[in-house]
Amino acid sequence: MNRILLALVLSLAAASAMAAGSVRFGDKLVSTGDGAGKVTQVAGKPDRVIQLESTFSGNVGERWEYYQARKTIQIIFRDGKVADVQEVYN
């Protein structure tokens, strides 16, 4: 019984960790590690692109923003790959 409960808890934790780095656009998914080309295929052209700079004004990546009805989806790119995905509810 304890093993079943432990397996259930671990699988739920793994699923929530996996969901934190991904976002759904219709029936397709964008996840951390995806390239800019795949994101454009899945989500389309971003509504806004913001250049991210270090404290010394060096370019460290981009933030692509997609505006939806009640939220903004922010996709952070570093070295051409998705590093983080955030959903900001308006």
PDB file of N, CA and C in Angstrom:
ATOM      1  N   MET A   1       0.813  -1.191   0.000  1.00  0.00           N
ATOM      2  CA  MET A   1       0.000   0.000   0.000  1.00  0.00           C
ATOM      3  C   MET A   1       0.864   1.265   0.000  1.00  0.00           C
ATOM      4  N   ASN A   2       1.917   1.250   0.841  1.00  0.00           N
ATOM      5  CA  ASN A   2       2.800   2.409   0.921  1.00  0.00           C
ATOM      6  C   ASN A   2       3.527   2.655  -0.397  1.00  0.00           C
ATOM      7  N   ARG A   3       3.898   1.560  -1.097  1.00  0.00           N
ATOM      8  CA  ARG A   3       4.593   1.704  -2.374  1.00  0.00           C
ATOM      9  C   ARG A   3       3.687   2.328  -3.428  1.00  0.00           C
ATOM     10  N   ILE A   4       2.431   1.954  -3.432  1.00  0.00           N
ATOM     11  CA  ILE A   4       1.476   2.524  -4.383  1.00  0.00           C
ATOM     12  C   ILE A   4       1.288   4.009  -4.112  1.00  0.00           C
ATOM     13  N   LEU A   5       1.137   4.364  -2.860  1.00  0.00           N
ATOM     14  CA  LEU A   5       0.982   5.768  -2.487  1.00  0.00           C
ATOM     15  C   LEU A   5       2.226   6.574  -2.856  1.00  0.00           C
ATOM     16  N   LEU A   6       3.405   6.027  -2.599  1.00  0.00           N
ATOM     17  CA  LEU A   6       4.649   6.707  -2.944  1.00  0.00           C
ATOM     18  C   LEU A   6       4.763   6.892  -4.463  1.00  0.00           C
ATOM     19  N   ALA A   7       4.424   5.866  -5.225  1.00  0.00           N
ATOM     20  CA  ALA A   7       4.473   5.963  -6.688  1.00  0.00           C
ATOM     21  C   ALA A   7       3.495   7.020  -7.198  1.00  0.00           C
ATOM     22  N   LEU A   8       2.330   7.089  -6.603  1.00  0.00           N
ATOM     23  CA  LEU A   8       1.341   8.088  -6.996  1.00  0.00           C
ATOM     24  C   LEU A   8       1.836   9.501  -6.704  1.00  0.00           C
ATOM     25  N   VAL A   9       2.388   9.711  -5.551  1.00  0.00           N
ATOM     26  CA  VAL A   9       2.904  11.025  -5.172  1.00  0.00           C
ATOM     27  C   VAL A   9       4.054  11.437  -6.096  1.00  0.00           C
ATOM     28  N   LEU A  10       4.960  10.517  -6.390  1.00  0.00           N
ATOM     29  CA  LEU A  10       6.083  10.833  -7.269  1.00  0.00           C
ATOM     30  C   LEU A  10       5.629  11.133  -8.686  1.00  0.00           C
ATOM     31  N   SER A  11       4.645  10.404  -9.181  1.00  0.00           N
ATOM     32  CA  SER A  11       4.166  10.670 -10.541  1.00  0.00           C
ATOM     33  C   SER A  11       3.442  12.017 -10.616  1.00  0.00           C
ATOM     34  N   LEU A  12       2.708  12.384  -9.585  1.00  0.00           N
ATOM     35  CA  LEU A  12       2.059  13.696  -9.560  1.00  0.00           C
ATOM     36  C   LEU A  12       3.091  14.818  -9.502  1.00  0.00           C
ATOM     37  N   ALA A  13       4.139  14.622  -8.730  1.00  0.00           N
ATOM     38  CA  ALA A  13       5.195  15.635  -8.642  1.00  0.00           C
ATOM     39  C   ALA A  13       5.907  15.786  -9.979  1.00  0.00           C
ATOM     40  N   ALA A  14       6.163  14.683 -10.661  1.00  0.00           N
ATOM     41  CA  ALA A  14       6.825  14.742 -11.967  1.00  0.00           C
ATOM     42  C   ALA A  14       5.932  15.432 -12.995  1.00  0.00           C
ATOM     43  N   ALA A  15       4.649  15.164 -12.956  1.00  0.00           N
ATOM     44  CA  ALA A  15       3.716  15.790 -13.911  1.00  0.00           C
ATOM     45  C   ALA A  15       3.630  17.289 -13.676  1.00  0.00           C
ATOM     46  N   SER A  16       3.606  17.726 -12.431  1.00  0.00           N
ATOM     47  CA  SER A  16       3.528  19.166 -12.158  1.00  0.00           C
ATOM     48  C   SER A  16       4.833  19.855 -12.533  1.00  0.00           C
ATOM     49  N   ALA A  17       5.959  19.195 -12.365  1.00  0.00           N
ATOM     50  CA  ALA A  17       7.233  19.787 -12.762  1.00  0.00           C
ATOM     51  C   ALA A  17       7.318  19.901 -14.280  1.00  0.00           C
ATOM     52  N   MET A  18       6.807  18.912 -14.988  1.00  0.00           N
ATOM     53  CA  MET A  18       6.832  18.947 -16.436  1.00  0.00           C
ATOM     54  C   MET A  18       5.901  20.040 -16.964  1.00  0.00           C
ATOM     55  N   ALA A  19       4.772  20.240 -16.330  1.00  0.00           N
ATOM     56  CA  ALA A  19       3.808  21.242 -16.785  1.00  0.00           C
ATOM     57  C   ALA A  19       4.320  22.659 -16.550  1.00  0.00           C
ATOM     58  N   ALA A  20       5.216  22.840 -15.604  1.00  0.00           N
ATOM     59  CA  ALA A  20       5.709  24.181 -15.294  1.00  0.00           C
ATOM     60  C   ALA A  20       6.533  24.764 -16.432  1.00  0.00           C
ATOM     61  N   GLY A  21       7.146  23.939 -17.248  1.00  0.00           N
ATOM     62  CA  GLY A  21       7.980  24.420 -18.329  1.00  0.00           C
ATOM     63  C   GLY A  21       7.340  24.270 -19.686  1.00  0.00           C
ATOM     64  N   SER A  22       6.026  24.291 -19.730  1.00  0.00           N
ATOM     65  CA  SER A  22       5.339  24.127 -21.012  1.00  0.00           C
ATOM     66  C   SER A  22       4.040  24.918 -21.017  1.00  0.00           C
ATOM     67  N   VAL A  23       3.551  25.160 -22.234  1.00  0.00           N
ATOM     68  CA  VAL A  23       2.280  25.858 -22.393  1.00  0.00           C
ATOM     69  C   VAL A  23       1.608  25.314 -23.643  1.00  0.00           C
ATOM     70  N   ARG A  24       0.299  25.280 -23.605  1.00  0.00           N
ATOM     71  CA  ARG A  24      -0.478  24.727 -24.705  1.00  0.00           C
ATOM     72  C   ARG A  24      -1.042  25.847 -25.570  1.00  0.00           C
ATOM     73  N   PHE A  25      -0.888  25.681 -26.882  1.00  0.00           N
ATOM     74  CA  PHE A  25      -1.507  26.548 -27.880  1.00  0.00           C
ATOM     75  C   PHE A  25      -2.428  25.658 -28.700  1.00  0.00           C
ATOM     76  N   GLY A  26      -3.732  25.724 -28.434  1.00  0.00           N
ATOM     77  CA  GLY A  26      -4.666  24.821 -29.096  1.00  0.00           C
ATOM     78  C   GLY A  26      -4.379  23.394 -28.671  1.00  0.00           C
ATOM     79  N   ASP A  27      -4.101  22.533 -29.637  1.00  0.00           N
ATOM     80  CA  ASP A  27      -3.805  21.143 -29.298  1.00  0.00           C
ATOM     81  C   ASP A  27      -2.308  20.828 -29.389  1.00  0.00           C
ATOM     82  N   LYS A  28      -1.471  21.869 -29.459  1.00  0.00           N
ATOM     83  CA  LYS A  28      -0.022  21.683 -29.543  1.00  0.00           C
ATOM     84  C   LYS A  28       0.651  22.285 -28.321  1.00  0.00           C
ATOM     85  N   LEU A  29       1.873  21.813 -28.051  1.00  0.00           N
ATOM     86  CA  LEU A  29       2.568  22.161 -26.828  1.00  0.00           C
ATOM     87  C   LEU A  29       3.925  22.791 -27.136  1.00  0.00           C
ATOM     88  N   VAL A  30       4.271  23.842 -26.391  1.00  0.00           N
ATOM     89  CA  VAL A  30       5.608  24.437 -26.415  1.00  0.00           C
ATOM     90  C   VAL A  30       6.244  24.135 -25.069  1.00  0.00           C
ATOM     91  N   SER A  31       7.467  23.587 -25.092  1.00  0.00           N
ATOM     92  CA  SER A  31       8.145  23.190 -23.859  1.00  0.00           C
ATOM     93  C   SER A  31       9.553  23.757 -23.813  1.00  0.00           C
ATOM     94  N   THR A  32      10.130  23.774 -22.614  1.00  0.00           N
ATOM     95  CA  THR A  32      11.517  24.208 -22.480  1.00  0.00           C
ATOM     96  C   THR A  32      12.394  23.315 -23.341  1.00  0.00           C
ATOM     97  N   GLY A  33      13.377  23.932 -23.976  1.00  0.00           N
ATOM     98  CA  GLY A  33      14.271  23.212 -24.866  1.00  0.00           C
ATOM     99  C   GLY A  33      13.885  23.304 -26.327  1.00  0.00           C
ATOM    100  N   ASP A  34      12.651  23.714 -26.622  1.00  0.00           N
ATOM    101  CA  ASP A  34      12.221  23.868 -28.015  1.00  0.00           C
ATOM    102  C   ASP A  34      12.930  25.059 -28.649  1.00  0.00           C
ATOM    103  N   GLY A  35      13.130  24.994 -29.949  1.00  0.00           N
ATOM    104  CA  GLY A  35      13.751  26.089 -30.684  1.00  0.00           C
ATOM    105  C   GLY A  35      12.728  27.131 -31.111  1.00  0.00           C
ATOM    106  N   ALA A  36      13.223  28.271 -31.569  1.00  0.00           N
ATOM    107  CA  ALA A  36      12.351  29.359 -31.995  1.00  0.00           C
ATOM    108  C   ALA A  36      11.484  28.965 -33.183  1.00  0.00           C
ATOM    109  N   GLY A  37      12.015  28.138 -34.070  1.00  0.00           N
ATOM    110  CA  GLY A  37      11.243  27.687 -35.225  1.00  0.00           C
ATOM    111  C   GLY A  37      10.022  26.881 -34.832  1.00  0.00           C
ATOM    112  N   LYS A  38      10.192  25.981 -33.870  1.00  0.00           N
ATOM    113  CA  LYS A  38       9.055  25.179 -33.421  1.00  0.00           C
ATOM    114  C   LYS A  38       8.021  26.060 -32.733  1.00  0.00           C
ATOM    115  N   VAL A  39       8.481  27.013 -31.923  1.00  0.00           N
ATOM    116  CA  VAL A  39       7.548  27.903 -31.237  1.00  0.00           C
ATOM    117  C   VAL A  39       6.729  28.693 -32.261  1.00  0.00           C
ATOM    118  N   THR A  40       7.385  29.176 -33.309  1.00  0.00           N
ATOM    119  CA  THR A  40       6.670  29.923 -34.345  1.00  0.00           C
ATOM    120  C   THR A  40       5.667  29.036 -35.069  1.00  0.00           C
ATOM    121  N   GLN A  41       6.029  27.778 -35.332  1.00  0.00           N
ATOM    122  CA  GLN A  41       5.094  26.847 -35.969  1.00  0.00           C
ATOM    123  C   GLN A  41       3.883  26.586 -35.095  1.00  0.00           C
ATOM    124  N   VAL A  42       4.099  26.421 -33.813  1.00  0.00           N
ATOM    125  CA  VAL A  42       3.019  26.068 -32.884  1.00  0.00           C
ATOM    126  C   VAL A  42       2.189  27.286 -32.507  1.00  0.00           C
ATOM    127  N   ALA A  43       2.843  28.391 -32.147  1.00  0.00           N
ATOM    128  CA  ALA A  43       2.142  29.546 -31.578  1.00  0.00           C
ATOM    129  C   ALA A  43       1.953  30.691 -32.561  1.00  0.00           C
ATOM    130  N   GLY A  44       2.687  30.684 -33.663  1.00  0.00           N
ATOM    131  CA  GLY A  44       2.609  31.791 -34.604  1.00  0.00           C
ATOM    132  C   GLY A  44       3.567  32.902 -34.241  1.00  0.00           C
ATOM    133  N   LYS A  45       3.429  34.014 -34.932  1.00  0.00           N
ATOM    134  CA  LYS A  45       4.281  35.184 -34.697  1.00  0.00           C
ATOM    135  C   LYS A  45       3.904  35.808 -33.354  1.00  0.00           C
ATOM    136  N   PRO A  46       4.914  36.158 -32.520  1.00  0.00           N
ATOM    137  CA  PRO A  46       4.591  36.758 -31.222  1.00  0.00           C
ATOM    138  C   PRO A  46       4.000  38.158 -31.387  1.00  0.00           C
ATOM    139  N   ASP A  47       3.184  38.551 -30.411  1.00  0.00           N
ATOM    140  CA  ASP A  47       2.609  39.892 -30.401  1.00  0.00           C
ATOM    141  C   ASP A  47       3.650  40.948 -30.028  1.00  0.00           C
ATOM    142  N   ARG A  48       4.652  40.541 -29.265  1.00  0.00           N
ATOM    143  CA  ARG A  48       5.692  41.476 -28.821  1.00  0.00           C
ATOM    144  C   ARG A  48       6.974  40.699 -28.556  1.00  0.00           C
ATOM    145  N   VAL A  49       8.117  41.261 -28.940  1.00  0.00           N
ATOM    146  CA  VAL A  49       9.424  40.669 -28.664  1.00  0.00           C
ATOM    147  C   VAL A  49      10.240  41.694 -27.886  1.00  0.00           C
ATOM    148  N   ILE A  50      10.781  41.270 -26.747  1.00  0.00           N
ATOM    149  CA  ILE A  50      11.568  42.147 -25.885  1.00  0.00           C
ATOM    150  C   ILE A  50      12.970  41.553 -25.758  1.00  0.00           C
ATOM    151  N   GLN A  51      13.982  42.369 -26.043  1.00  0.00           N
ATOM    152  CA  GLN A  51      15.369  41.937 -25.888  1.00  0.00           C
ATOM    153  C   GLN A  51      15.736  41.966 -24.406  1.00  0.00           C
ATOM    154  N   LEU A  52      16.326  40.888 -23.902  1.00  0.00           N
ATOM    155  CA  LEU A  52      16.745  40.817 -22.504  1.00  0.00           C
ATOM    156  C   LEU A  52      18.222  41.130 -22.423  1.00  0.00           C
ATOM    157  N   GLU A  53      18.581  42.008 -21.494  1.00  0.00           N
ATOM    158  CA  GLU A  53      19.970  42.456 -21.356  1.00  0.00           C
ATOM    159  C   GLU A  53      20.501  42.145 -19.968  1.00  0.00           C
ATOM    160  N   SER A  54      21.806  41.938 -19.893  1.00  0.00           N
ATOM    161  CA  SER A  54      22.467  41.761 -18.605  1.00  0.00           C
ATOM    162  C   SER A  54      22.651  43.133 -17.951  1.00  0.00           C
ATOM    163  N   THR A  55      23.216  43.149 -16.774  1.00  0.00           N
ATOM    164  CA  THR A  55      23.448  44.420 -16.086  1.00  0.00           C
ATOM    165  C   THR A  55      24.477  45.280 -16.811  1.00  0.00           C
ATOM    166  N   PHE A  56      25.265  44.671 -17.705  1.00  0.00           N
ATOM    167  CA  PHE A  56      26.267  45.404 -18.472  1.00  0.00           C
ATOM    168  C   PHE A  56      25.798  45.647 -19.901  1.00  0.00           C
ATOM    169  N   SER A  57      24.497  45.589 -20.137  1.00  0.00           N
ATOM    170  CA  SER A  57      23.851  45.865 -21.424  1.00  0.00           C
ATOM    171  C   SER A  57      24.194  44.865 -22.523  1.00  0.00           C
ATOM    172  N   GLY A  58      24.592  43.682 -22.143  1.00  0.00           N
ATOM    173  CA  GLY A  58      24.823  42.635 -23.135  1.00  0.00           C
ATOM    174  C   GLY A  58      23.540  41.850 -23.366  1.00  0.00           C
ATOM    175  N   ASN A  59      23.288  41.444 -24.592  1.00  0.00           N
ATOM    176  CA  ASN A  59      22.093  40.687 -24.923  1.00  0.00           C
ATOM    177  C   ASN A  59      22.216  39.268 -24.364  1.00  0.00           C
ATOM    178  N   VAL A  60      21.233  38.855 -23.558  1.00  0.00           N
ATOM    179  CA  VAL A  60      21.253  37.512 -22.979  1.00  0.00           C
ATOM    180  C   VAL A  60      20.072  36.660 -23.451  1.00  0.00           C
ATOM    181  N   GLY A  61      19.183  37.228 -24.238  1.00  0.00           N
ATOM    182  CA  GLY A  61      18.053  36.457 -24.744  1.00  0.00           C
ATOM    183  C   GLY A  61      16.903  37.343 -25.169  1.00  0.00           C
ATOM    184  N   GLU A  62      15.756  36.700 -25.357  1.00  0.00           N
ATOM    185  CA  GLU A  62      14.545  37.408 -25.770  1.00  0.00           C
ATOM    186  C   GLU A  62      13.350  36.891 -24.973  1.00  0.00           C
ATOM    187  N   ARG A  63      12.355  37.745 -24.848  1.00  0.00           N
ATOM    188  CA  ARG A  63      11.064  37.333 -24.279  1.00  0.00           C
ATOM    189  C   ARG A  63      10.011  37.577 -25.344  1.00  0.00           C
ATOM    190  N   TRP A  64       9.357  36.506 -25.764  1.00  0.00           N
ATOM    191  CA  TRP A  64       8.259  36.599 -26.711  1.00  0.00           C
ATOM    192  C   TRP A  64       6.969  36.611 -25.923  1.00  0.00           C
ATOM    193  N   GLU A  65       6.071  37.524 -26.264  1.00  0.00           N
ATOM    194  CA  GLU A  65       4.787  37.621 -25.564  1.00  0.00           C
ATOM    195  C   GLU A  65       3.646  37.360 -26.528  1.00  0.00           C
ATOM    196  N   TYR A  66       2.721  36.551 -26.083  1.00  0.00           N
ATOM    197  CA  TYR A  66       1.497  36.243 -26.819  1.00  0.00           C
ATOM    198  C   TYR A  66       0.322  36.673 -25.958  1.00  0.00           C
ATOM    199  N   TYR A  67      -0.522  37.551 -26.481  1.00  0.00           N
ATOM    200  CA  TYR A  67      -1.667  38.051 -25.738  1.00  0.00           C
ATOM    201  C   TYR A  67      -2.883  37.199 -26.050  1.00  0.00           C
ATOM    202  N   GLN A  68      -3.504  36.688 -25.007  1.00  0.00           N
ATOM    203  CA  GLN A  68      -4.742  35.931 -25.152  1.00  0.00           C
ATOM    204  C   GLN A  68      -5.823  36.611 -24.319  1.00  0.00           C
ATOM    205  N   ALA A  69      -7.029  36.068 -24.335  1.00  0.00           N
ATOM    206  CA  ALA A  69      -8.184  36.731 -23.727  1.00  0.00           C
ATOM    207  C   ALA A  69      -7.924  37.239 -22.308  1.00  0.00           C
ATOM    208  N   ARG A  70      -7.491  36.389 -21.429  1.00  0.00           N
ATOM    209  CA  ARG A  70      -7.324  36.794 -20.024  1.00  0.00           C
ATOM    210  C   ARG A  70      -5.919  36.585 -19.489  1.00  0.00           C
ATOM    211  N   LYS A  71      -4.975  36.345 -20.399  1.00  0.00           N
ATOM    212  CA  LYS A  71      -3.612  36.115 -19.937  1.00  0.00           C
ATOM    213  C   LYS A  71      -2.608  36.487 -21.019  1.00  0.00           C
ATOM    214  N   THR A  72      -1.372  36.657 -20.584  1.00  0.00           N
ATOM    215  CA  THR A  72      -0.239  36.867 -21.470  1.00  0.00           C
ATOM    216  C   THR A  72       0.705  35.693 -21.266  1.00  0.00           C
ATOM    217  N   ILE A  73       1.091  35.057 -22.362  1.00  0.00           N
ATOM    218  CA  ILE A  73       2.051  33.964 -22.299  1.00  0.00           C
ATOM    219  C   ILE A  73       3.413  34.540 -22.658  1.00  0.00           C
ATOM    220  N   GLN A  74       4.370  34.363 -21.755  1.00  0.00           N
ATOM    221  CA  GLN A  74       5.730  34.857 -21.967  1.00  0.00           C
ATOM    222  C   GLN A  74       6.653  33.663 -22.149  1.00  0.00           C
ATOM    223  N   ILE A  75       7.377  33.661 -23.265  1.00  0.00           N
ATOM    224  CA  ILE A  75       8.325  32.593 -23.557  1.00  0.00           C
ATOM    225  C   ILE A  75       9.716  33.219 -23.581  1.00  0.00           C
ATOM    226  N   ILE A  76      10.582  32.754 -22.685  1.00  0.00           N
ATOM    227  CA  ILE A  76      11.934  33.284 -22.549  1.00  0.00           C
ATOM    228  C   ILE A  76      12.893  32.394 -23.335  1.00  0.00           C
ATOM    229  N   PHE A  77      13.669  33.029 -24.223  1.00  0.00           N
ATOM    230  CA  PHE A  77      14.675  32.318 -25.011  1.00  0.00           C
ATOM    231  C   PHE A  77      16.065  32.683 -24.522  1.00  0.00           C
ATOM    232  N   ARG A  78      16.907  31.679 -24.396  1.00  0.00           N
ATOM    233  CA  ARG A  78      18.333  31.869 -24.135  1.00  0.00           C
ATOM    234  C   ARG A  78      19.071  30.919 -25.076  1.00  0.00           C
ATOM    235  N   ASP A  79      20.027  31.443 -25.807  1.00  0.00           N
ATOM    236  CA  ASP A  79      20.796  30.657 -26.784  1.00  0.00           C
ATOM    237  C   ASP A  79      19.901  29.973 -27.811  1.00  0.00           C
ATOM    238  N   GLY A  80      18.826  30.641 -28.211  1.00  0.00           N
ATOM    239  CA  GLY A  80      17.950  30.131 -29.257  1.00  0.00           C
ATOM    240  C   GLY A  80      16.980  29.052 -28.835  1.00  0.00           C
ATOM    241  N   LYS A  81      16.946  28.717 -27.555  1.00  0.00           N
ATOM    242  CA  LYS A  81      16.061  27.670 -27.041  1.00  0.00           C
ATOM    243  C   LYS A  81      15.155  28.243 -25.945  1.00  0.00           C
ATOM    244  N   VAL A  82      13.986  27.635 -25.782  1.00  0.00           N
ATOM    245  CA  VAL A  82      13.066  28.062 -24.722  1.00  0.00           C
ATOM    246  C   VAL A  82      13.691  27.698 -23.377  1.00  0.00           C
ATOM    247  N   ALA A  83      13.901  28.711 -22.543  1.00  0.00           N
ATOM    248  CA  ALA A  83      14.477  28.511 -21.215  1.00  0.00           C
ATOM    249  C   ALA A  83      13.397  28.530 -20.135  1.00  0.00           C
ATOM    250  N   ASP A  84      12.315  29.259 -20.373  1.00  0.00           N
ATOM    251  CA  ASP A  84      11.258  29.383 -19.369  1.00  0.00           C
ATOM    252  C   ASP A  84       9.960  29.777 -20.051  1.00  0.00           C
ATOM    253  N   VAL A  85       8.863  29.355 -19.461  1.00  0.00           N
ATOM    254  CA  VAL A  85       7.525  29.704 -19.943  1.00  0.00           C
ATOM    255  C   VAL A  85       6.723  30.201 -18.759  1.00  0.00           C
ATOM    256  N   GLN A  86       6.066  31.356 -18.923  1.00  0.00           N
ATOM    257  CA  GLN A  86       5.251  31.911 -17.847  1.00  0.00           C
ATOM    258  C   GLN A  86       3.907  32.335 -18.388  1.00  0.00           C
ATOM    259  N   GLU A  87       2.879  32.141 -17.591  1.00  0.00           N
ATOM    260  CA  GLU A  87       1.548  32.627 -17.931  1.00  0.00           C
ATOM    261  C   GLU A  87       1.167  33.690 -16.900  1.00  0.00           C
ATOM    262  N   VAL A  88       0.915  34.902 -17.373  1.00  0.00           N
ATOM    263  CA  VAL A  88       0.554  36.016 -16.503  1.00  0.00           C
ATOM    264  C   VAL A  88      -0.928  36.318 -16.733  1.00  0.00           C
ATOM    265  N   TYR A  89      -1.717  36.148 -15.700  1.00  0.00           N
ATOM    266  CA  TYR A  89      -3.161  36.370 -15.823  1.00  0.00           C
ATOM    267  C   TYR A  89      -3.484  37.834 -15.578  1.00  0.00           C
ATOM    268  N   ASN A  90      -4.280  38.402 -16.474  1.00  0.00           N
ATOM    269  CA  ASN A  90      -4.631  39.826 -16.395  1.00  0.00           C
ATOM    270  C   ASN A  90      -5.796  40.049 -15.457  1.00  0.00           C
TER     271      ASN A  90
END
